[in-house]
């Protein structure tokens, strides 16, 4: 058979060659944005009640607060009243 201009039919394709080696892994990408915080969990159960304190405790008497700009005498008077109240309640020894 004669083909014009030197053109010949395409031959049968040859077998596929072996797969090449796997290339190196690329660099790790940037870390993504942090997601939103989840909802707050439920409140836990109330703990057990603590033991009762010793009996026979006498609360101390109230002592008036010192004013915002007290004199040294007022501070001394209030301190003495507080100490007397704590002694009377048995919190401080006399």
PDB file of N, CA and C in Angstrom:
ATOM      1  N   UNK A   1       0.811  -1.170   0.000  1.00  0.00           N
ATOM      2  CA  UNK A   1       0.000   0.000   0.000  1.00  0.00           C
ATOM      3  C   UNK A   1       0.860   1.241   0.000  1.00  0.00           C
ATOM      4  N   UNK A   2       0.369   2.174  -0.671  1.00  0.00           N
ATOM      5  CA  UNK A   2       1.131   3.402  -0.798  1.00  0.00           C
ATOM      6  C   UNK A   2       0.312   4.535  -0.215  1.00  0.00           C
ATOM      7  N   UNK A   3       0.922   5.331   0.663  1.00  0.00           N
ATOM      8  CA  UNK A   3       0.222   6.442   1.320  1.00  0.00           C
ATOM      9  C   UNK A   3       0.805   7.731   0.795  1.00  0.00           C
ATOM     10  N   UNK A   4      -0.072   8.664   0.478  1.00  0.00           N
ATOM     11  CA  UNK A   4       0.440   9.927  -0.076  1.00  0.00           C
ATOM     12  C   UNK A   4       1.214  10.712   0.966  1.00  0.00           C
ATOM     13  N   UNK A   5       2.174  11.393   0.564  1.00  0.00           N
ATOM     14  CA  UNK A   5       3.021  12.287   1.356  1.00  0.00           C
ATOM     15  C   UNK A   5       3.735  11.593   2.501  1.00  0.00           C
ATOM     16  N   UNK A   6       3.960  10.355   2.447  1.00  0.00           N
ATOM     17  CA  UNK A   6       4.713   9.649   3.451  1.00  0.00           C
ATOM     18  C   UNK A   6       3.993   9.472   4.770  1.00  0.00           C
ATOM     19  N   UNK A   7       2.665   9.564   4.836  1.00  0.00           N
ATOM     20  CA  UNK A   7       1.905   9.393   6.067  1.00  0.00           C
ATOM     21  C   UNK A   7       1.599   7.929   6.250  1.00  0.00           C
ATOM     22  N   UNK A   8       1.817   7.451   7.422  1.00  0.00           N
ATOM     23  CA  UNK A   8       1.572   6.037   7.707  1.00  0.00           C
ATOM     24  C   UNK A   8       0.562   5.940   8.842  1.00  0.00           C
ATOM     25  N   UNK A   9      -0.133   4.835   8.976  1.00  0.00           N
ATOM     26  CA  UNK A   9      -1.100   4.690  10.054  1.00  0.00           C
ATOM     27  C   UNK A   9      -0.391   4.587  11.415  1.00  0.00           C
ATOM     28  N   UNK A  10      -1.111   5.050  12.481  1.00  0.00           N
ATOM     29  CA  UNK A  10      -0.575   4.987  13.839  1.00  0.00           C
ATOM     30  C   UNK A  10      -0.541   3.551  14.275  1.00  0.00           C
ATOM     31  N   UNK A  11       0.555   3.174  14.904  1.00  0.00           N
ATOM     32  CA  UNK A  11       0.689   1.804  15.360  1.00  0.00           C
ATOM     33  C   UNK A  11      -0.021   1.591  16.704  1.00  0.00           C
ATOM     34  N   UNK A  12       0.008   0.404  17.165  1.00  0.00           N
ATOM     35  CA  UNK A  12      -0.597   0.035  18.440  1.00  0.00           C
ATOM     36  C   UNK A  12       0.217   0.682  19.558  1.00  0.00           C
ATOM     37  N   UNK A  13      -0.492   1.191  20.589  1.00  0.00           N
ATOM     38  CA  UNK A  13       0.194   1.821  21.716  1.00  0.00           C
ATOM     39  C   UNK A  13       0.972   0.780  22.492  1.00  0.00           C
ATOM     40  N   UNK A  14       2.123   1.157  22.966  1.00  0.00           N
ATOM     41  CA  UNK A  14       2.947   0.243  23.752  1.00  0.00           C
ATOM     42  C   UNK A  14       2.430   0.115  25.170  1.00  0.00           C
ATOM     43  N   UNK A  15       3.005  -0.789  25.943  1.00  0.00           N
ATOM     44  CA  UNK A  15       2.551  -0.968  27.315  1.00  0.00           C
ATOM     45  C   UNK A  15       2.862   0.272  28.163  1.00  0.00           C
ATOM     46  N   UNK A  16       2.038   0.500  29.206  1.00  0.00           N
ATOM     47  CA  UNK A  16       2.248   1.634  30.116  1.00  0.00           C
ATOM     48  C   UNK A  16       3.510   1.381  30.921  1.00  0.00           C
ATOM     49  N   UNK A  17       4.291   2.431  31.084  1.00  0.00           N
ATOM     50  CA  UNK A  17       5.526   2.293  31.842  1.00  0.00           C
ATOM     51  C   UNK A  17       5.254   2.197  33.337  1.00  0.00           C
ATOM     52  N   UNK A  18       6.275   1.861  34.082  1.00  0.00           N
ATOM     53  CA  UNK A  18       6.159   1.718  35.536  1.00  0.00           C
ATOM     54  C   UNK A  18       5.874   3.078  36.165  1.00  0.00           C
ATOM     55  N   UNK A  19       5.155   3.064  37.305  1.00  0.00           N
ATOM     56  CA  UNK A  19       4.847   4.298  38.022  1.00  0.00           C
ATOM     57  C   UNK A  19       6.126   4.833  38.645  1.00  0.00           C
ATOM     58  N   UNK A  20       6.301   6.135  38.576  1.00  0.00           N
ATOM     59  CA  UNK A  20       7.477   6.756  39.154  1.00  0.00           C
ATOM     60  C   UNK A  20       7.382   6.830  40.668  1.00  0.00           C
ATOM     61  N   UNK A  21       8.479   7.155  41.300  1.00  0.00           N
ATOM     62  CA  UNK A  21       8.530   7.261  42.758  1.00  0.00           C
ATOM     63  C   UNK A  21       7.663   8.427  43.229  1.00  0.00           C
ATOM     64  N   UNK A  22       7.098   8.296  44.456  1.00  0.00           N
ATOM     65  CA  UNK A  22       6.291   9.367  45.041  1.00  0.00           C
ATOM     66  C   UNK A  22       7.211  10.508  45.443  1.00  0.00           C
ATOM     67  N   UNK A  23       6.801  11.717  45.160  1.00  0.00           N
ATOM     68  CA  UNK A  23       7.596  12.885  45.512  1.00  0.00           C
ATOM     69  C   UNK A  23       7.513  13.207  46.993  1.00  0.00           C
ATOM     70  N   UNK A  24       8.335  14.122  47.452  1.00  0.00           N
ATOM     71  CA  UNK A  24       8.334  14.529  48.857  1.00  0.00           C
ATOM     72  C   UNK A  24       7.029  15.242  49.197  1.00  0.00           C
ATOM     73  N   UNK A  25       6.637  15.143  50.460  1.00  0.00           N
ATOM     74  CA  UNK A  25       5.441  15.844  50.918  1.00  0.00           C
ATOM     75  C   UNK A  25       5.713  17.343  50.954  1.00  0.00           C
ATOM     76  N   UNK A  26       4.726  18.125  50.643  1.00  0.00           N
ATOM     77  CA  UNK A  26       4.862  19.576  50.662  1.00  0.00           C
ATOM     78  C   UNK A  26       4.844  20.109  52.080  1.00  0.00           C
ATOM     79  N   UNK A  27       5.105  21.385  52.259  1.00  0.00           N
ATOM     80  CA  UNK A  27       5.109  21.957  53.609  1.00  0.00           C
ATOM     81  C   UNK A  27       3.705  21.953  54.205  1.00  0.00           C
ATOM     82  N   UNK A  28       3.647  21.914  55.559  1.00  0.00           N
ATOM     83  CA  UNK A  28       2.367  21.952  56.258  1.00  0.00           C
ATOM     84  C   UNK A  28       1.745  23.335  56.091  1.00  0.00           C
ATOM     85  N   UNK A  29       0.471  23.363  55.852  1.00  0.00           N
ATOM     86  CA  UNK A  29      -0.228  24.629  55.670  1.00  0.00           C
ATOM     87  C   UNK A  29      -0.418  25.365  56.983  1.00  0.00           C
ATOM     88  N   UNK A  30      -0.851  26.602  56.910  1.00  0.00           N
ATOM     89  CA  UNK A  30      -1.080  27.425  58.098  1.00  0.00           C
ATOM     90  C   UNK A  30      -2.247  26.867  58.909  1.00  0.00           C
ATOM     91  N   UNK A  31      -2.205  27.075  60.227  1.00  0.00           N
ATOM     92  CA  UNK A  31      -3.292  26.641  61.102  1.00  0.00           C
ATOM     93  C   UNK A  31      -4.527  27.494  60.832  1.00  0.00           C
ATOM     94  N   UNK A  32      -5.654  26.851  60.808  1.00  0.00           N
ATOM     95  CA  UNK A  32      -6.899  27.569  60.563  1.00  0.00           C
ATOM     96  C   UNK A  32      -7.332  28.376  61.780  1.00  0.00           C
ATOM     97  N   UNK A  33      -8.340  29.194  61.598  1.00  0.00           N
ATOM     98  CA  UNK A  33      -8.851  30.045  62.679  1.00  0.00           C
ATOM     99  C   UNK A  33      -9.486  29.193  63.775  1.00  0.00           C
ATOM    100  N   UNK A  34      -9.432  29.660  65.017  1.00  0.00           N
ATOM    101  CA  UNK A  34     -10.053  28.967  66.144  1.00  0.00           C
ATOM    102  C   UNK A  34     -11.561  29.083  66.024  1.00  0.00           C
ATOM    103  N   UNK A  35     -12.237  28.001  66.291  1.00  0.00           N
ATOM    104  CA  UNK A  35     -13.693  28.005  66.221  1.00  0.00           C
ATOM    105  C   UNK A  35     -14.314  28.704  67.421  1.00  0.00           C
ATOM    106  N   UNK A  36     -15.619  28.898  67.369  1.00  0.00           N
ATOM    107  CA  UNK A  36     -16.336  29.552  68.465  1.00  0.00           C
ATOM    108  C   UNK A  36     -16.333  28.667  69.707  1.00  0.00           C
ATOM    109  N   UNK A  37     -16.410  29.289  70.888  1.00  0.00           N
ATOM    110  CA  UNK A  37     -16.492  28.535  72.142  1.00  0.00           C
ATOM    111  C   UNK A  37     -17.846  27.852  72.218  1.00  0.00           C
ATOM    112  N   UNK A  38     -17.853  26.675  72.768  1.00  0.00           N
ATOM    113  CA  UNK A  38     -19.100  25.937  72.920  1.00  0.00           C
ATOM    114  C   UNK A  38     -19.946  26.513  74.046  1.00  0.00           C
ATOM    115  N   UNK A  39     -21.153  26.022  74.197  1.00  0.00           N
ATOM    116  CA  UNK A  39     -22.024  26.536  75.253  1.00  0.00           C
ATOM    117  C   UNK A  39     -21.519  26.137  76.636  1.00  0.00           C
ATOM    118  N   UNK A  40     -21.893  26.927  77.634  1.00  0.00           N
ATOM    119  CA  UNK A  40     -21.514  26.638  79.020  1.00  0.00           C
ATOM    120  C   UNK A  40     -22.257  25.401  79.490  1.00  0.00           C
ATOM    121  N   UNK A  41     -21.548  24.553  80.182  1.00  0.00           N
ATOM    122  CA  UNK A  41     -22.162  23.328  80.688  1.00  0.00           C
ATOM    123  C   UNK A  41     -23.113  23.608  81.843  1.00  0.00           C
ATOM    124  N   UNK A  42     -23.823  22.583  82.221  1.00  0.00           N
ATOM    125  CA  UNK A  42     -24.793  22.704  83.313  1.00  0.00           C
ATOM    126  C   UNK A  42     -24.069  22.911  84.640  1.00  0.00           C
ATOM    127  N   UNK A  43     -24.729  23.568  85.578  1.00  0.00           N
ATOM    128  CA  UNK A  43     -24.177  23.773  86.915  1.00  0.00           C
ATOM    129  C   UNK A  43     -24.182  22.449  87.655  1.00  0.00           C
ATOM    130  N   UNK A  44     -23.093  22.180  88.337  1.00  0.00           N
ATOM    131  CA  UNK A  44     -22.978  20.924  89.080  1.00  0.00           C
ATOM    132  C   UNK A  44     -23.867  20.910  90.311  1.00  0.00           C
ATOM    133  N   UNK A  45     -23.961  19.755  90.896  1.00  0.00           N
ATOM    134  CA  UNK A  45     -24.795  19.587  92.088  1.00  0.00           C
ATOM    135  C   UNK A  45     -24.195  20.328  93.277  1.00  0.00           C
ATOM    136  N   UNK A  46     -25.047  20.735  94.194  1.00  0.00           N
ATOM    137  CA  UNK A  46     -24.600  21.411  95.412  1.00  0.00           C
ATOM    138  C   UNK A  46     -23.915  20.394  96.314  1.00  0.00           C
ATOM    139  N   UNK A  47     -22.804  20.813  96.883  1.00  0.00           N
ATOM    140  CA  UNK A  47     -22.057  19.918  97.770  1.00  0.00           C
ATOM    141  C   UNK A  47     -22.782  19.695  99.087  1.00  0.00           C
ATOM    142  N   UNK A  48     -22.271  18.754  99.819  1.00  0.00           N
ATOM    143  CA  UNK A  48     -22.878  18.412 101.111  1.00  0.00           C
ATOM    144  C   UNK A  48     -22.685  19.544 102.105  1.00  0.00           C
ATOM    145  N   UNK A  49     -23.600  19.655 103.051  1.00  0.00           N
ATOM    146  CA  UNK A  49     -23.506  20.653 104.110  1.00  0.00           C
ATOM    147  C   UNK A  49     -22.401  20.251 105.078  1.00  0.00           C
ATOM    148  N   UNK A  50     -21.619  21.212 105.477  1.00  0.00           N
ATOM    149  CA  UNK A  50     -20.523  20.940 106.405  1.00  0.00           C
ATOM    150  C   UNK A  50     -21.030  20.638 107.802  1.00  0.00           C
ATOM    151  N   UNK A  51     -20.140  20.158 108.636  1.00  0.00           N
ATOM    152  CA  UNK A  51     -20.556  19.805 110.004  1.00  0.00           C
ATOM    153  C   UNK A  51     -20.909  21.051 110.811  1.00  0.00           C
ATOM    154  N   UNK A  52     -21.751  20.872 111.782  1.00  0.00           N
ATOM    155  CA  UNK A  52     -22.147  21.963 112.670  1.00  0.00           C
ATOM    156  C   UNK A  52     -20.977  22.330 113.567  1.00  0.00           C
ATOM    157  N   UNK A  53     -20.795  23.601 113.775  1.00  0.00           N
ATOM    158  CA  UNK A  53     -19.710  24.072 114.622  1.00  0.00           C
ATOM    159  C   UNK A  53     -19.956  23.755 116.083  1.00  0.00           C
ATOM    160  N   UNK A  54     -18.978  24.054 116.904  1.00  0.00           N
ATOM    161  CA  UNK A  54     -19.122  23.738 118.336  1.00  0.00           C
ATOM    162  C   UNK A  54     -20.261  24.527 118.965  1.00  0.00           C
ATOM    163  N   UNK A  55     -20.911  23.911 119.922  1.00  0.00           N
ATOM    164  CA  UNK A  55     -22.018  24.600 120.589  1.00  0.00           C
ATOM    165  C   UNK A  55     -21.466  25.543 121.645  1.00  0.00           C
ATOM    166  N   UNK A  56     -22.302  26.443 122.101  1.00  0.00           N
ATOM    167  CA  UNK A  56     -21.904  27.362 123.155  1.00  0.00           C
ATOM    168  C   UNK A  56     -21.206  28.599 122.628  1.00  0.00           C
ATOM    169  N   UNK A  57     -21.238  28.827 121.336  1.00  0.00           N
ATOM    170  CA  UNK A  57     -20.594  30.020 120.792  1.00  0.00           C
ATOM    171  C   UNK A  57     -21.501  31.218 120.987  1.00  0.00           C
ATOM    172  N   UNK A  58     -20.966  32.283 121.530  1.00  0.00           N
ATOM    173  CA  UNK A  58     -21.719  33.516 121.727  1.00  0.00           C
ATOM    174  C   UNK A  58     -21.224  34.543 120.726  1.00  0.00           C
ATOM    175  N   UNK A  59     -22.097  35.043 119.872  1.00  0.00           N
ATOM    176  CA  UNK A  59     -21.640  36.038 118.911  1.00  0.00           C
ATOM    177  C   UNK A  59     -21.208  37.329 119.603  1.00  0.00           C
ATOM    178  N   UNK A  60     -20.226  37.976 119.017  1.00  0.00           N
ATOM    179  CA  UNK A  60     -19.744  39.245 119.568  1.00  0.00           C
ATOM    180  C   UNK A  60     -20.745  40.348 119.262  1.00  0.00           C
ATOM    181  N   UNK A  61     -20.799  41.345 120.144  1.00  0.00           N
ATOM    182  CA  UNK A  61     -21.704  42.477 119.948  1.00  0.00           C
ATOM    183  C   UNK A  61     -21.214  43.341 118.788  1.00  0.00           C
ATOM    184  N   UNK A  62     -22.141  43.994 118.139  1.00  0.00           N
ATOM    185  CA  UNK A  62     -21.803  44.865 117.018  1.00  0.00           C
ATOM    186  C   UNK A  62     -21.028  46.081 117.501  1.00  0.00           C
ATOM    187  N   UNK A  63     -20.099  46.507 116.684  1.00  0.00           N
ATOM    188  CA  UNK A  63     -19.310  47.706 116.967  1.00  0.00           C
ATOM    189  C   UNK A  63     -19.538  48.651 115.796  1.00  0.00           C
ATOM    190  N   UNK A  64     -19.866  49.911 116.038  1.00  0.00           N
ATOM    191  CA  UNK A  64     -20.126  50.825 114.923  1.00  0.00           C
ATOM    192  C   UNK A  64     -18.880  51.044 114.068  1.00  0.00           C
ATOM    193  N   UNK A  65     -19.118  51.245 112.761  1.00  0.00           N
ATOM    194  CA  UNK A  65     -18.020  51.521 111.833  1.00  0.00           C
ATOM    195  C   UNK A  65     -17.394  52.875 112.128  1.00  0.00           C
ATOM    196  N   UNK A  66     -16.137  53.003 111.764  1.00  0.00           N
ATOM    197  CA  UNK A  66     -15.457  54.286 111.905  1.00  0.00           C
ATOM    198  C   UNK A  66     -15.844  55.148 110.701  1.00  0.00           C
ATOM    199  N   UNK A  67     -15.911  56.429 110.879  1.00  0.00           N
ATOM    200  CA  UNK A  67     -16.241  57.349 109.782  1.00  0.00           C
ATOM    201  C   UNK A  67     -15.108  57.351 108.752  1.00  0.00           C
ATOM    202  N   UNK A  68     -15.335  57.993 107.623  1.00  0.00           N
ATOM    203  CA  UNK A  68     -14.341  57.967 106.537  1.00  0.00           C
ATOM    204  C   UNK A  68     -13.057  58.713 106.900  1.00  0.00           C
ATOM    205  N   UNK A  69     -13.146  59.718 107.775  1.00  0.00           N
ATOM    206  CA  UNK A  69     -11.931  60.447 108.207  1.00  0.00           C
ATOM    207  C   UNK A  69     -11.926  60.529 109.734  1.00  0.00           C
ATOM    208  N   UNK A  70     -11.647  59.410 110.412  1.00  0.00           N
ATOM    209  CA  UNK A  70     -11.725  59.413 111.877  1.00  0.00           C
ATOM    210  C   UNK A  70     -10.509  60.087 112.500  1.00  0.00           C
ATOM    211  N   UNK A  71     -10.717  60.566 113.694  1.00  0.00           N
ATOM    212  CA  UNK A  71      -9.602  61.119 114.471  1.00  0.00           C
ATOM    213  C   UNK A  71      -8.899  59.943 115.142  1.00  0.00           C
ATOM    214  N   UNK A  72      -7.703  60.128 115.603  1.00  0.00           N
ATOM    215  CA  UNK A  72      -7.021  59.046 116.321  1.00  0.00           C
ATOM    216  C   UNK A  72      -7.808  58.578 117.552  1.00  0.00           C
ATOM    217  N   UNK A  73      -8.486  59.516 118.226  1.00  0.00           N
ATOM    218  CA  UNK A  73      -9.274  59.141 119.402  1.00  0.00           C
ATOM    219  C   UNK A  73     -10.441  58.228 119.009  1.00  0.00           C
ATOM    220  N   UNK A  74     -11.102  58.537 117.872  1.00  0.00           N
ATOM    221  CA  UNK A  74     -12.230  57.706 117.416  1.00  0.00           C
ATOM    222  C   UNK A  74     -11.754  56.301 117.040  1.00  0.00           C
ATOM    223  N   UNK A  75     -10.587  56.217 116.407  1.00  0.00           N
ATOM    224  CA  UNK A  75     -10.035  54.907 116.055  1.00  0.00           C
ATOM    225  C   UNK A  75      -9.737  54.115 117.327  1.00  0.00           C
ATOM    226  N   UNK A  76      -9.134  54.750 118.305  1.00  0.00           N
ATOM    227  CA  UNK A  76      -8.827  54.087 119.564  1.00  0.00           C
ATOM    228  C   UNK A  76     -10.082  53.617 120.275  1.00  0.00           C
ATOM    229  N   UNK A  77     -11.102  54.472 120.304  1.00  0.00           N
ATOM    230  CA  UNK A  77     -12.361  54.126 120.972  1.00  0.00           C
ATOM    231  C   UNK A  77     -13.023  52.931 120.274  1.00  0.00           C
ATOM    232  N   UNK A  78     -13.049  52.949 118.955  1.00  0.00           N
ATOM    233  CA  UNK A  78     -13.669  51.853 118.202  1.00  0.00           C
ATOM    234  C   UNK A  78     -12.889  50.559 118.385  1.00  0.00           C
ATOM    235  N   UNK A  79     -11.569  50.627 118.376  1.00  0.00           N
ATOM    236  CA  UNK A  79     -10.742  49.437 118.583  1.00  0.00           C
ATOM    237  C   UNK A  79     -10.982  48.852 119.977  1.00  0.00           C
ATOM    238  N   UNK A  80     -11.042  49.715 120.984  1.00  0.00           N
ATOM    239  CA  UNK A  80     -11.294  49.236 122.346  1.00  0.00           C
ATOM    240  C   UNK A  80     -12.671  48.588 122.458  1.00  0.00           C
ATOM    241  N   UNK A  81     -13.672  49.175 121.791  1.00  0.00           N
ATOM    242  CA  UNK A  81     -15.020  48.596 121.816  1.00  0.00           C
ATOM    243  C   UNK A  81     -15.027  47.228 121.137  1.00  0.00           C
ATOM    244  N   UNK A  82     -14.297  47.090 120.045  1.00  0.00           N
ATOM    245  CA  UNK A  82     -14.225  45.817 119.337  1.00  0.00           C
ATOM    246  C   UNK A  82     -13.547  44.752 120.207  1.00  0.00           C
ATOM    247  N   UNK A  83     -12.446  45.108 120.813  1.00  0.00           N
ATOM    248  CA  UNK A  83     -11.741  44.160 121.680  1.00  0.00           C
ATOM    249  C   UNK A  83     -12.611  43.739 122.862  1.00  0.00           C
ATOM    250  N   UNK A  84     -13.319  44.685 123.463  1.00  0.00           N
ATOM    251  CA  UNK A  84     -14.200  44.364 124.591  1.00  0.00           C
ATOM    252  C   UNK A  84     -15.310  43.422 124.146  1.00  0.00           C
ATOM    253  N   UNK A  85     -15.845  43.648 122.958  1.00  0.00           N
ATOM    254  CA  UNK A  85     -16.908  42.797 122.444  1.00  0.00           C
ATOM    255  C   UNK A  85     -16.404  41.380 122.195  1.00  0.00           C
ATOM    256  N   UNK A  86     -15.202  41.245 121.657  1.00  0.00           N
ATOM    257  CA  UNK A  86     -14.633  39.925 121.387  1.00  0.00           C
ATOM    258  C   UNK A  86     -14.287  39.188 122.681  1.00  0.00           C
ATOM    259  N   UNK A  87     -13.870  39.942 123.680  1.00  0.00           N
ATOM    260  CA  UNK A  87     -13.602  39.306 124.986  1.00  0.00           C
ATOM    261  C   UNK A  87     -14.884  38.834 125.643  1.00  0.00           C
ATOM    262  N   UNK A  88     -15.934  39.642 125.562  1.00  0.00           N
ATOM    263  CA  UNK A  88     -17.216  39.286 126.162  1.00  0.00           C
ATOM    264  C   UNK A  88     -17.811  38.058 125.474  1.00  0.00           C
ATOM    265  N   UNK A  89     -17.524  37.872 124.195  1.00  0.00           N
ATOM    266  CA  UNK A  89     -18.053  36.716 123.464  1.00  0.00           C
ATOM    267  C   UNK A  89     -17.181  35.478 123.664  1.00  0.00           C
ATOM    268  N   UNK A  90     -16.061  35.637 124.346  1.00  0.00           N
ATOM    269  CA  UNK A  90     -15.195  34.480 124.599  1.00  0.00           C
ATOM    270  C   UNK A  90     -14.277  34.159 123.441  1.00  0.00           C
ATOM    271  N   UNK A  91     -14.146  35.079 122.494  1.00  0.00           N
ATOM    272  CA  UNK A  91     -13.270  34.858 121.343  1.00  0.00           C
ATOM    273  C   UNK A  91     -11.833  35.228 121.678  1.00  0.00           C
ATOM    274  N   UNK A  92     -11.670  36.276 122.488  1.00  0.00           N
ATOM    275  CA  UNK A  92     -10.350  36.671 122.965  1.00  0.00           C
ATOM    276  C   UNK A  92     -10.264  36.442 124.455  1.00  0.00           C
ATOM    277  N   UNK A  93      -9.093  36.064 124.911  1.00  0.00           N
ATOM    278  CA  UNK A  93      -8.904  35.894 126.349  1.00  0.00           C
ATOM    279  C   UNK A  93      -8.706  37.265 126.978  1.00  0.00           C
ATOM    280  N   UNK A  94      -9.055  37.364 128.232  1.00  0.00           N
ATOM    281  CA  UNK A  94      -8.883  38.657 128.933  1.00  0.00           C
ATOM    282  C   UNK A  94      -7.500  38.769 129.524  1.00  0.00           C
TER     283      UNK A  94
END
